[in-house]
N, C-alpha and C. Protein backbone atom coordinates (compact mmCIF):
# COMPACT_ATOMS: atom_id res chain seq x y z
N MET A 1 1.50 -27.10 -36.63
CA MET A 1 1.18 -26.51 -35.50
C MET A 1 -0.14 -26.29 -35.28
N ALA A 2 -0.84 -26.69 -34.18
CA ALA A 2 -2.19 -26.75 -33.53
C ALA A 2 -2.28 -25.30 -33.37
N LYS A 3 -3.74 -24.81 -33.92
CA LYS A 3 -4.08 -23.75 -33.59
C LYS A 3 -4.60 -23.12 -32.28
N LYS A 4 -4.26 -22.31 -31.71
CA LYS A 4 -4.58 -21.71 -30.16
C LYS A 4 -6.11 -21.72 -30.34
N ASN A 5 -6.86 -21.85 -29.14
CA ASN A 5 -8.04 -22.07 -29.20
C ASN A 5 -8.52 -21.53 -27.94
N PHE A 6 -7.63 -20.25 -27.30
CA PHE A 6 -8.14 -19.43 -26.19
C PHE A 6 -7.66 -18.27 -26.44
N GLU A 7 -8.07 -17.32 -25.62
CA GLU A 7 -7.83 -16.04 -25.70
C GLU A 7 -7.06 -15.74 -24.73
N ARG A 8 -5.82 -15.31 -25.18
CA ARG A 8 -4.95 -14.62 -23.41
C ARG A 8 -5.76 -14.16 -22.61
N GLU A 9 -6.46 -13.08 -23.11
CA GLU A 9 -7.09 -12.02 -21.87
C GLU A 9 -8.04 -12.89 -21.01
N ASP A 10 -8.58 -14.07 -21.56
CA ASP A 10 -9.49 -14.86 -20.70
C ASP A 10 -8.63 -15.65 -19.85
N VAL A 11 -7.98 -16.18 -20.09
CA VAL A 11 -6.52 -16.75 -19.67
C VAL A 11 -5.92 -15.96 -18.18
N LEU A 12 -5.69 -15.01 -18.97
CA LEU A 12 -5.34 -13.90 -17.72
C LEU A 12 -6.12 -13.49 -16.61
N ASP A 13 -7.39 -13.50 -17.05
CA ASP A 13 -8.78 -13.10 -16.25
C ASP A 13 -8.58 -14.14 -14.85
N LYS A 14 -8.74 -15.51 -15.62
CA LYS A 14 -8.74 -16.41 -14.40
C LYS A 14 -7.62 -16.74 -13.76
N VAL A 15 -6.42 -16.50 -13.75
CA VAL A 15 -5.51 -16.75 -13.25
C VAL A 15 -5.30 -15.30 -12.37
N ILE A 16 -5.80 -14.38 -12.85
CA ILE A 16 -5.61 -13.21 -11.74
C ILE A 16 -6.41 -13.55 -10.48
N THR A 17 -7.63 -14.18 -10.19
CA THR A 17 -8.23 -14.43 -9.27
C THR A 17 -7.20 -15.48 -8.38
N LEU A 18 -6.96 -16.16 -9.04
CA LEU A 18 -6.07 -17.03 -8.14
C LEU A 18 -5.06 -17.09 -7.72
N PHE A 19 -4.25 -16.26 -8.71
CA PHE A 19 -2.90 -15.49 -8.09
C PHE A 19 -3.21 -14.44 -6.85
N TRP A 20 -3.95 -13.96 -7.38
CA TRP A 20 -4.57 -12.93 -6.35
C TRP A 20 -4.97 -13.35 -4.96
N GLN A 21 -5.62 -14.51 -4.76
CA GLN A 21 -6.20 -15.26 -3.56
C GLN A 21 -4.85 -16.16 -2.92
N ASN A 22 -4.51 -16.82 -3.62
CA ASN A 22 -3.45 -17.77 -3.05
C ASN A 22 -1.91 -17.08 -3.17
N GLY A 23 -1.66 -16.23 -3.82
CA GLY A 23 -0.29 -15.63 -4.34
C GLY A 23 0.41 -16.58 -4.92
N TYR A 24 1.68 -16.10 -5.43
CA TYR A 24 2.77 -16.62 -6.22
C TYR A 24 3.23 -18.03 -5.77
N ALA A 25 3.41 -18.01 -4.79
CA ALA A 25 4.04 -19.27 -4.29
C ALA A 25 3.10 -20.40 -4.01
N ALA A 26 2.11 -20.18 -3.72
CA ALA A 26 0.90 -21.30 -3.35
C ALA A 26 0.14 -21.49 -4.40
N SER A 27 0.21 -20.92 -5.79
CA SER A 27 -0.42 -21.32 -6.80
C SER A 27 0.36 -22.35 -7.46
N SER A 28 -0.12 -23.82 -7.76
CA SER A 28 0.58 -24.95 -8.18
C SER A 28 0.14 -24.44 -10.11
N ILE A 29 1.01 -25.23 -10.74
CA ILE A 29 0.96 -25.54 -12.11
C ILE A 29 -0.73 -26.11 -12.42
N GLN A 30 -0.76 -27.25 -11.21
CA GLN A 30 -2.05 -27.79 -11.23
C GLN A 30 -3.71 -26.87 -10.79
N GLN A 31 -3.47 -26.19 -10.27
CA GLN A 31 -4.23 -25.37 -9.59
C GLN A 31 -4.76 -24.15 -11.07
N ILE A 32 -3.46 -23.77 -11.65
CA ILE A 32 -3.63 -22.80 -12.97
C ILE A 32 -4.29 -23.28 -14.18
N THR A 33 -3.88 -24.90 -14.14
CA THR A 33 -4.42 -25.81 -15.58
C THR A 33 -5.93 -25.69 -15.22
N LYS A 34 -6.28 -26.26 -13.88
CA LYS A 34 -7.62 -26.34 -13.24
C LYS A 34 -8.44 -24.94 -13.45
N ALA A 35 -7.90 -24.07 -12.94
CA ALA A 35 -8.88 -22.44 -13.29
C ALA A 35 -9.02 -22.19 -14.91
N THR A 36 -7.62 -22.36 -15.86
CA THR A 36 -7.79 -21.96 -16.91
C THR A 36 -8.30 -23.10 -17.84
N GLY A 37 -8.42 -24.43 -17.61
CA GLY A 37 -8.87 -25.42 -18.73
C GLY A 37 -7.91 -25.66 -19.68
N LEU A 38 -6.54 -25.44 -19.49
CA LEU A 38 -5.51 -25.50 -20.43
C LEU A 38 -4.36 -26.37 -20.15
N LYS A 39 -3.70 -27.03 -20.76
CA LYS A 39 -2.77 -27.84 -20.27
C LYS A 39 -1.60 -27.10 -20.05
N PRO A 40 -0.95 -27.80 -19.28
CA PRO A 40 0.62 -27.07 -19.17
C PRO A 40 1.08 -26.60 -20.39
N GLY A 41 1.36 -27.48 -20.93
CA GLY A 41 2.16 -27.21 -22.46
C GLY A 41 1.40 -25.70 -23.42
N SER A 42 0.16 -25.78 -23.06
CA SER A 42 -0.33 -24.39 -23.76
C SER A 42 0.38 -23.24 -22.91
N LEU A 43 0.11 -23.68 -21.84
CA LEU A 43 0.62 -22.58 -20.88
C LEU A 43 1.87 -22.07 -20.98
N TYR A 44 2.93 -23.03 -21.15
CA TYR A 44 4.34 -22.71 -20.99
C TYR A 44 4.41 -22.03 -22.53
N TYR A 45 3.88 -22.65 -23.67
CA TYR A 45 3.86 -22.01 -25.07
C TYR A 45 3.69 -20.73 -24.75
N GLU A 46 2.63 -20.16 -24.41
CA GLU A 46 1.91 -18.66 -24.47
C GLU A 46 2.69 -17.94 -23.44
N PHE A 47 3.04 -18.19 -22.04
CA PHE A 47 3.69 -17.35 -21.16
C PHE A 47 5.05 -17.65 -20.80
N GLU A 48 5.74 -18.77 -21.15
CA GLU A 48 6.84 -19.16 -21.35
C GLU A 48 7.37 -20.11 -19.61
N SER A 49 6.70 -19.58 -18.62
CA SER A 49 6.75 -20.21 -17.42
C SER A 49 5.82 -19.52 -16.41
N LYS A 50 5.42 -19.93 -14.99
CA LYS A 50 5.06 -19.50 -14.35
C LYS A 50 4.77 -18.54 -14.00
N GLU A 51 6.34 -17.77 -13.74
CA GLU A 51 6.58 -16.34 -13.86
C GLU A 51 6.09 -15.42 -14.62
N GLY A 52 6.42 -16.06 -16.10
CA GLY A 52 5.90 -14.94 -17.35
C GLY A 52 4.15 -14.99 -17.25
N LEU A 53 3.63 -16.08 -16.60
CA LEU A 53 2.34 -16.07 -16.71
C LEU A 53 1.63 -14.96 -15.27
N PHE A 54 2.65 -15.21 -14.40
CA PHE A 54 2.27 -14.28 -13.11
C PHE A 54 2.48 -12.84 -13.18
N GLN A 55 3.24 -12.56 -14.24
CA GLN A 55 3.84 -11.17 -14.44
C GLN A 55 2.87 -10.71 -15.37
N ALA A 56 2.42 -11.44 -16.48
CA ALA A 56 1.11 -11.34 -17.32
C ALA A 56 -0.28 -10.64 -16.87
N ALA A 57 -0.27 -11.82 -15.60
CA ALA A 57 -1.62 -11.30 -14.51
C ALA A 57 -1.26 -9.84 -14.23
N LEU A 58 -0.22 -9.48 -13.62
CA LEU A 58 0.14 -8.56 -12.83
C LEU A 58 -0.22 -7.13 -13.58
N GLU A 59 0.26 -7.29 -14.75
CA GLU A 59 0.17 -6.39 -15.68
C GLU A 59 -1.34 -6.11 -16.58
N ARG A 60 -1.74 -6.86 -16.52
CA ARG A 60 -3.40 -6.86 -16.61
C ARG A 60 -4.03 -6.19 -15.69
N TYR A 61 -3.83 -6.63 -14.26
CA TYR A 61 -4.56 -5.96 -13.47
C TYR A 61 -4.24 -4.45 -13.15
N ALA A 62 -2.77 -4.41 -12.88
CA ALA A 62 -2.43 -3.24 -12.96
C ALA A 62 -2.43 -2.18 -14.00
N THR A 63 -2.78 -2.56 -15.36
CA THR A 63 -3.73 -1.70 -16.63
C THR A 63 -4.79 -1.36 -15.96
N PHE A 64 -5.90 -2.07 -15.32
CA PHE A 64 -7.27 -1.97 -14.84
C PHE A 64 -7.28 -0.99 -13.76
N SER A 65 -6.30 -1.06 -12.92
CA SER A 65 -6.13 -0.49 -11.71
C SER A 65 -5.98 0.94 -12.16
N ILE A 66 -4.58 1.38 -12.84
CA ILE A 66 -4.46 2.71 -13.14
C ILE A 66 -5.63 3.31 -14.30
N ASP A 67 -6.17 2.40 -15.13
CA ASP A 67 -7.26 3.19 -16.13
C ASP A 67 -8.29 3.51 -14.91
N ALA A 68 -8.52 2.73 -13.99
CA ALA A 68 -9.79 3.22 -13.35
C ALA A 68 -9.22 4.39 -12.37
N ILE A 69 -7.99 4.21 -11.72
CA ILE A 69 -7.90 5.54 -11.09
C ILE A 69 -7.65 7.15 -12.17
N HIS A 70 -7.45 6.94 -13.39
CA HIS A 70 -7.42 7.83 -14.40
C HIS A 70 -9.00 8.55 -14.80
N GLN A 71 -9.42 7.42 -14.65
CA GLN A 71 -11.24 7.80 -14.84
C GLN A 71 -11.69 8.23 -13.82
N SER A 72 -11.43 7.77 -12.57
CA SER A 72 -12.15 8.57 -11.80
C SER A 72 -11.60 10.05 -11.18
N MET A 73 -10.23 10.01 -11.67
CA MET A 73 -9.72 11.58 -11.73
C MET A 73 -9.98 12.21 -12.55
N ALA A 74 -10.42 12.16 -13.64
CA ALA A 74 -10.91 12.32 -14.73
C ALA A 74 -12.27 13.05 -14.71
N ASN A 75 -13.13 12.33 -14.31
CA ASN A 75 -14.60 12.54 -13.77
C ASN A 75 -14.97 13.25 -12.53
N ALA A 76 -14.37 13.34 -11.65
CA ALA A 76 -14.89 13.86 -10.92
C ALA A 76 -14.47 15.42 -11.02
N PRO A 77 -15.60 15.89 -10.12
CA PRO A 77 -15.86 17.54 -10.27
C PRO A 77 -14.26 17.96 -9.42
N SER A 78 -13.39 17.33 -8.81
CA SER A 78 -12.57 17.79 -8.25
C SER A 78 -11.29 16.76 -7.56
N VAL A 79 -10.36 16.94 -7.50
CA VAL A 79 -9.01 15.97 -7.21
C VAL A 79 -9.65 15.44 -5.86
N ASN A 80 -9.71 16.43 -4.85
CA ASN A 80 -10.36 16.04 -3.86
C ASN A 80 -11.29 15.07 -3.59
N GLN A 81 -12.21 15.54 -4.52
CA GLN A 81 -13.53 14.66 -4.47
C GLN A 81 -13.43 13.17 -5.23
N ALA A 82 -12.12 12.90 -6.34
CA ALA A 82 -11.93 11.90 -7.11
C ALA A 82 -11.10 11.09 -5.91
N ILE A 83 -10.26 11.63 -4.80
CA ILE A 83 -9.48 10.34 -4.18
C ILE A 83 -10.31 10.35 -3.09
N LYS A 84 -11.17 11.08 -2.41
CA LYS A 84 -12.08 10.67 -1.33
C LYS A 84 -13.06 9.75 -1.81
N GLN A 85 -13.49 9.81 -3.40
CA GLN A 85 -14.35 8.43 -3.89
C GLN A 85 -13.27 7.32 -3.59
N ILE A 86 -12.39 7.33 -4.51
CA ILE A 86 -11.12 6.06 -4.55
C ILE A 86 -11.41 5.39 -2.78
N LEU A 87 -10.80 6.30 -2.04
CA LEU A 87 -10.62 6.05 -0.63
C LEU A 87 -11.92 5.16 -0.33
N ASN A 88 -12.91 5.68 -0.28
CA ASN A 88 -14.25 5.13 -0.08
C ASN A 88 -14.49 4.12 -0.63
N ASP A 89 -14.70 4.04 -1.82
CA ASP A 89 -14.59 2.64 -2.67
C ASP A 89 -13.66 1.30 -2.23
N LEU A 90 -12.24 1.87 -1.86
CA LEU A 90 -11.71 0.87 -1.13
C LEU A 90 -12.09 -0.15 0.19
N ILE A 91 -12.64 1.30 0.81
CA ILE A 91 -13.04 0.95 2.11
C ILE A 91 -14.28 -0.09 2.17
N GLU A 92 -15.57 0.39 1.14
CA GLU A 92 -16.32 -0.61 0.84
C GLU A 92 -16.15 -1.69 0.53
N GLN A 93 -14.87 -2.13 -0.53
CA GLN A 93 -14.42 -3.43 -0.73
C GLN A 93 -13.91 -4.52 0.22
N SER A 94 -13.55 -3.46 1.37
CA SER A 94 -13.25 -4.51 2.30
C SER A 94 -14.44 -4.97 3.40
N LYS A 95 -15.58 -4.48 2.95
CA LYS A 95 -16.93 -5.03 3.66
C LYS A 95 -17.23 -6.58 3.18
N SER A 96 -16.51 -6.38 2.08
CA SER A 96 -17.02 -8.13 1.34
C SER A 96 -16.49 -9.16 1.94
N CYS A 97 -17.05 -10.07 2.14
CA CYS A 97 -16.85 -11.30 2.80
C CYS A 97 -15.82 -12.21 1.96
N GLU A 98 -15.86 -11.65 0.48
CA GLU A 98 -14.71 -12.19 -0.38
C GLU A 98 -13.31 -11.04 -0.68
N TYR A 99 -13.52 -10.36 0.54
CA TYR A 99 -12.21 -9.45 -0.05
C TYR A 99 -11.10 -9.71 0.02
N CYS A 100 -10.19 -9.56 -1.07
CA CYS A 100 -8.84 -9.92 -1.23
C CYS A 100 -7.94 -8.82 -1.39
N GLY A 101 -8.19 -7.53 -0.92
CA GLY A 101 -6.73 -6.72 -0.96
C GLY A 101 -6.53 -6.22 -2.34
N CYS A 102 -5.46 -5.59 -2.52
CA CYS A 102 -5.02 -5.69 -4.00
C CYS A 102 -3.68 -6.47 -4.25
N PHE A 103 -3.81 -6.92 -5.66
CA PHE A 103 -2.80 -7.90 -6.20
C PHE A 103 -1.14 -7.25 -6.07
N LEU A 104 -1.36 -6.20 -6.29
CA LEU A 104 -0.21 -5.64 -6.45
C LEU A 104 0.94 -5.78 -5.31
N ILE A 105 -0.07 -4.99 -4.12
CA ILE A 105 0.21 -5.02 -2.79
C ILE A 105 0.48 -6.23 -1.96
N LYS A 106 -0.31 -7.34 -2.33
CA LYS A 106 -0.17 -8.48 -1.80
C LYS A 106 1.10 -9.25 -2.48
N THR A 107 1.44 -8.86 -3.84
CA THR A 107 2.52 -9.48 -4.50
C THR A 107 3.91 -8.69 -4.01
N GLN A 108 3.72 -7.36 -3.65
CA GLN A 108 4.87 -7.09 -3.16
C GLN A 108 5.17 -7.43 -1.73
N LEU A 109 3.95 -7.86 -1.06
CA LEU A 109 4.49 -8.39 0.33
C LEU A 109 4.99 -9.24 0.22
N GLU A 110 4.71 -10.27 -0.23
CA GLU A 110 4.76 -11.79 -0.48
C GLU A 110 6.18 -12.03 -0.95
N LEU A 111 7.03 -11.15 -2.08
CA LEU A 111 8.00 -11.41 -2.54
C LEU A 111 8.97 -10.39 -1.99
N ALA A 112 8.80 -9.79 -1.09
CA ALA A 112 9.68 -8.42 -0.72
C ALA A 112 11.03 -8.92 -0.45
N SER A 113 10.98 -10.31 0.52
CA SER A 113 12.18 -11.03 0.86
C SER A 113 13.48 -11.19 -0.34
N GLN A 114 12.45 -11.37 -1.46
CA GLN A 114 13.04 -12.04 -2.65
C GLN A 114 13.67 -10.85 -3.50
N GLY A 115 12.69 -10.01 -3.53
CA GLY A 115 13.51 -8.57 -4.09
C GLY A 115 13.58 -9.19 -5.98
N ASN A 116 12.83 -10.15 -6.38
CA ASN A 116 13.15 -10.52 -7.63
C ASN A 116 12.22 -9.67 -8.70
N LYS A 117 12.16 -10.29 -9.80
CA LYS A 117 11.61 -9.39 -10.80
C LYS A 117 10.12 -9.13 -10.79
N LEU A 118 9.18 -9.91 -10.07
CA LEU A 118 8.27 -10.25 -9.84
C LEU A 118 7.65 -8.80 -8.90
N TYR A 119 8.40 -9.12 -8.16
CA TYR A 119 8.62 -8.01 -6.83
C TYR A 119 8.62 -6.48 -7.66
N GLN A 120 10.01 -6.34 -8.37
CA GLN A 120 10.42 -5.25 -9.03
C GLN A 120 9.15 -4.81 -9.60
N PHE A 121 8.41 -5.59 -10.52
CA PHE A 121 7.56 -5.30 -11.31
C PHE A 121 6.28 -4.64 -10.75
N ALA A 122 5.69 -4.99 -9.48
CA ALA A 122 4.77 -4.77 -8.82
C ALA A 122 5.06 -3.69 -8.15
N SER A 123 6.25 -3.59 -7.70
CA SER A 123 6.82 -1.90 -6.73
C SER A 123 6.71 -1.02 -8.13
N ALA A 124 6.86 -1.30 -9.43
CA ALA A 124 6.92 -0.52 -10.47
C ALA A 124 5.66 0.10 -10.57
N GLN A 125 4.76 -0.64 -10.76
CA GLN A 125 3.35 -0.14 -10.93
C GLN A 125 2.86 0.71 -9.70
N LEU A 126 2.98 -0.04 -8.55
CA LEU A 126 2.72 0.99 -7.42
C LEU A 126 3.39 2.49 -7.44
N ALA A 127 4.67 2.69 -7.83
CA ALA A 127 4.99 3.83 -8.38
C ALA A 127 4.59 4.70 -9.36
N GLN A 128 3.91 4.01 -10.09
CA GLN A 128 3.66 4.46 -11.27
C GLN A 128 1.99 4.91 -10.55
N ILE A 129 1.34 4.36 -10.19
CA ILE A 129 0.23 4.68 -9.39
C ILE A 129 0.25 5.97 -8.63
N GLU A 130 1.27 6.00 -7.80
CA GLU A 130 1.44 7.18 -6.78
C GLU A 130 2.22 8.22 -7.75
N GLN A 131 2.83 8.16 -8.96
CA GLN A 131 2.83 9.46 -9.65
C GLN A 131 1.88 9.71 -10.34
N ILE A 132 0.67 8.89 -10.46
CA ILE A 132 -0.45 9.78 -11.01
C ILE A 132 -1.50 10.64 -10.02
N TYR A 133 -1.14 9.96 -8.95
CA TYR A 133 -1.87 11.02 -7.83
C TYR A 133 -0.83 12.64 -7.72
N VAL A 134 0.69 12.34 -7.90
CA VAL A 134 1.17 13.37 -7.86
C VAL A 134 0.72 14.50 -9.20
N THR A 135 0.61 13.71 -10.08
CA THR A 135 0.27 14.63 -11.44
C THR A 135 -0.89 15.31 -10.98
N TYR A 136 -2.13 14.82 -10.58
CA TYR A 136 -3.09 15.10 -10.16
C TYR A 136 -3.06 16.32 -9.32
N LEU A 137 -2.72 15.70 -8.24
CA LEU A 137 -2.41 16.71 -7.07
C LEU A 137 -1.51 18.22 -7.37
N SER A 138 -0.52 18.19 -8.36
CA SER A 138 0.04 19.31 -8.62
C SER A 138 -0.68 20.43 -9.52
N LYS A 139 -1.80 19.90 -9.60
CA LYS A 139 -2.52 21.04 -10.18
C LYS A 139 -3.15 22.05 -9.60
N SER A 140 -2.87 21.50 -8.20
CA SER A 140 -3.53 22.06 -7.07
C SER A 140 -2.70 22.77 -6.13
N VAL A 141 -1.43 22.44 -5.84
CA VAL A 141 -0.74 22.38 -4.72
C VAL A 141 0.94 22.39 -5.66
N THR A 142 2.27 22.96 -4.92
CA THR A 142 3.08 23.03 -5.44
C THR A 142 3.75 21.59 -5.72
N GLU A 143 4.69 21.06 -6.60
CA GLU A 143 5.36 19.67 -7.02
C GLU A 143 5.59 18.91 -5.86
N ALA A 144 6.26 19.68 -4.87
CA ALA A 144 7.00 18.98 -3.65
C ALA A 144 5.74 18.61 -2.79
N GLN A 145 4.55 19.72 -2.54
CA GLN A 145 3.47 19.07 -1.53
C GLN A 145 2.54 18.26 -2.59
N ALA A 146 2.67 17.98 -3.66
CA ALA A 146 1.90 16.99 -3.96
C ALA A 146 2.57 15.62 -3.81
N LYS A 147 4.13 15.85 -4.32
CA LYS A 147 4.65 14.13 -3.90
C LYS A 147 4.50 13.77 -2.41
N ALA A 148 4.54 14.63 -1.29
CA ALA A 148 4.54 14.71 0.11
C ALA A 148 2.53 13.81 -0.03
N TYR A 149 1.84 14.94 -0.50
CA TYR A 149 0.51 14.06 -0.09
C TYR A 149 0.44 12.73 -0.86
N ALA A 150 1.06 12.81 -1.79
CA ALA A 150 0.79 11.29 -2.74
C ALA A 150 1.51 10.11 -1.90
N ALA A 151 2.27 10.32 -1.40
CA ALA A 151 2.94 9.49 -0.90
C ALA A 151 2.23 8.97 0.56
N GLN A 152 1.78 9.93 1.44
CA GLN A 152 0.75 10.15 2.41
C GLN A 152 -0.45 9.44 2.02
N LEU A 153 -1.22 9.54 0.75
CA LEU A 153 -1.91 8.72 0.21
C LEU A 153 -1.83 7.36 -0.01
N MET A 154 -0.75 7.01 -0.49
CA MET A 154 -0.34 5.58 -1.09
C MET A 154 -0.21 4.80 0.49
N THR A 155 0.30 5.53 1.24
CA THR A 155 0.59 4.58 2.89
C THR A 155 -0.92 4.72 3.26
N VAL A 156 -1.72 5.54 3.02
CA VAL A 156 -3.21 5.05 3.52
C VAL A 156 -4.03 3.87 2.87
N ILE A 157 -3.68 3.85 1.55
CA ILE A 157 -4.29 3.04 0.57
C ILE A 157 -3.80 1.55 0.75
N PHE A 158 -2.37 1.71 1.32
CA PHE A 158 -1.84 0.15 1.37
C PHE A 158 -2.55 -0.17 2.96
N GLY A 159 -2.47 0.90 4.01
CA GLY A 159 -3.09 0.74 5.07
C GLY A 159 -4.66 0.26 5.26
N ILE A 160 -5.35 0.72 3.82
CA ILE A 160 -6.50 0.33 3.75
C ILE A 160 -6.66 -1.10 3.26
N ARG A 161 -5.77 -1.59 2.34
CA ARG A 161 -5.82 -2.69 1.50
C ARG A 161 -5.52 -3.89 2.61
N ILE A 162 -4.40 -3.43 3.48
CA ILE A 162 -4.24 -4.79 4.73
C ILE A 162 -5.34 -4.52 5.54
N TYR A 163 -5.49 -3.51 6.18
CA TYR A 163 -6.47 -3.40 7.23
C TYR A 163 -7.47 -3.92 6.91
N GLY A 164 -8.03 -4.24 5.84
CA GLY A 164 -9.64 -4.41 5.45
C GLY A 164 -9.68 -6.01 5.88
N TYR A 165 -8.68 -6.91 5.97
CA TYR A 165 -8.79 -7.82 6.29
C TYR A 165 -9.39 -8.10 7.66
N GLN A 166 -9.30 -7.12 8.66
CA GLN A 166 -9.34 -7.23 9.93
C GLN A 166 -11.14 -7.57 10.01
N ALA A 167 -11.98 -7.94 10.90
CA ALA A 167 -13.46 -7.82 10.47
C ALA A 167 -13.75 -6.40 10.90
N ASP A 168 -14.94 -6.14 10.42
CA ASP A 168 -15.19 -4.67 10.94
C ASP A 168 -14.39 -3.38 10.78
N SER A 169 -13.31 -3.44 9.85
CA SER A 169 -12.30 -2.69 9.53
C SER A 169 -12.91 -1.42 8.81
N ALA A 170 -14.13 -1.07 8.47
CA ALA A 170 -14.41 -0.16 7.66
C ALA A 170 -14.76 1.17 8.10
N GLU A 171 -15.06 1.02 9.58
CA GLU A 171 -15.35 2.72 9.96
C GLU A 171 -13.84 3.17 10.80
N THR A 172 -13.27 2.13 11.45
CA THR A 172 -11.83 2.54 11.76
C THR A 172 -10.95 3.21 10.04
N SER A 173 -11.37 2.41 9.32
CA SER A 173 -10.52 3.09 8.13
C SER A 173 -10.99 4.02 7.50
N ALA A 174 -12.12 4.67 7.57
CA ALA A 174 -12.74 5.65 7.24
C ALA A 174 -12.40 6.84 8.09
N ASN A 175 -12.02 6.75 9.64
CA ASN A 175 -11.82 7.49 10.55
C ASN A 175 -10.17 7.83 10.45
N THR A 176 -9.45 6.44 9.70
CA THR A 176 -8.07 7.07 9.72
C THR A 176 -7.75 7.76 8.41
N VAL A 177 -8.66 7.78 7.50
CA VAL A 177 -8.39 8.79 6.30
C VAL A 177 -8.75 9.94 6.74
N THR A 178 -9.70 10.30 7.53
CA THR A 178 -9.82 11.83 8.17
C THR A 178 -8.91 12.21 9.12
N ALA A 179 -8.18 11.30 9.80
CA ALA A 179 -7.28 11.75 10.47
C ALA A 179 -5.97 11.97 9.95
N LEU A 180 -5.50 11.19 9.28
CA LEU A 180 -4.41 11.15 8.46
C LEU A 180 -3.95 12.11 7.04
N LEU A 181 -5.33 12.17 6.34
CA LEU A 181 -5.30 13.07 5.59
C LEU A 181 -5.74 14.56 5.39
N PRO A 182 -5.66 15.28 6.56
CA PRO A 182 -6.58 16.25 6.51
C PRO A 182 -6.61 17.26 5.80
N TRP A 183 -5.57 17.12 4.60
CA TRP A 183 -5.85 18.05 3.56
C TRP A 183 -6.36 17.76 2.67
N LEU A 184 -7.31 16.39 2.57
CA LEU A 184 -7.92 16.64 1.54
C LEU A 184 -9.29 17.22 1.61
N THR A 185 -9.53 17.85 2.84
CA THR A 185 -10.90 18.88 2.96
C THR A 185 -10.33 20.71 2.68
N THR A 186 -8.77 20.53 2.45
CA THR A 186 -8.32 22.05 2.59
C THR A 186 -7.79 22.08 0.99
N ILE A 187 -7.25 21.67 0.33
CA ILE A 187 -7.17 21.77 -1.05
C ILE A 187 -8.03 22.49 -1.80
N VAL A 188 -7.45 23.64 -2.28
CA VAL A 188 -8.49 24.72 -3.19
C VAL A 188 -7.61 24.24 -4.50
N GLU A 189 -8.96 23.76 -5.32
CA GLU A 189 -8.70 23.42 -6.71
C GLU A 189 -8.01 24.57 -7.54
N GLY A 190 -6.94 24.47 -8.19
CA GLY A 190 -6.29 25.01 -9.21
C GLY A 190 -7.09 25.59 -10.44
């Protein structure tokens, strides 16, 4: 048996960008092999299928996203400030000429009509992110209020991620955050 001469994480990092920009359906095996420098056989041996590769890429992206949220929440002086910083960072990202939204949200939108395993996986990762916000918010408000706030926050995050494709959307997004999440300035840290 030939020795594997690539790192799984390197392959995933290369295909995340491809899948993130093109989506699942529009990313061909030829594009994947070109992006990774690997032959189809190596990809199929390691990931079993294009779907397996896509799910591994989604999982890697979700892990980084979840870790970044935890880090932001843990390092900020307050939950409010952490959330505000996360939202400001998302708005700043939307100003980039290479803006690409959120890989999980784009996957959910692309595959919603199919409801397949990849859609379900992306949805589960987004639900996990929402639960992280519930956990941190519940330190300052009731569990029921934390769930409501987290749902509102996720709705605004989805909006920023999608509306970010509009030219000059940053100011509108910032104003929307203030209008739709007034509780960000009223939560008293517990």
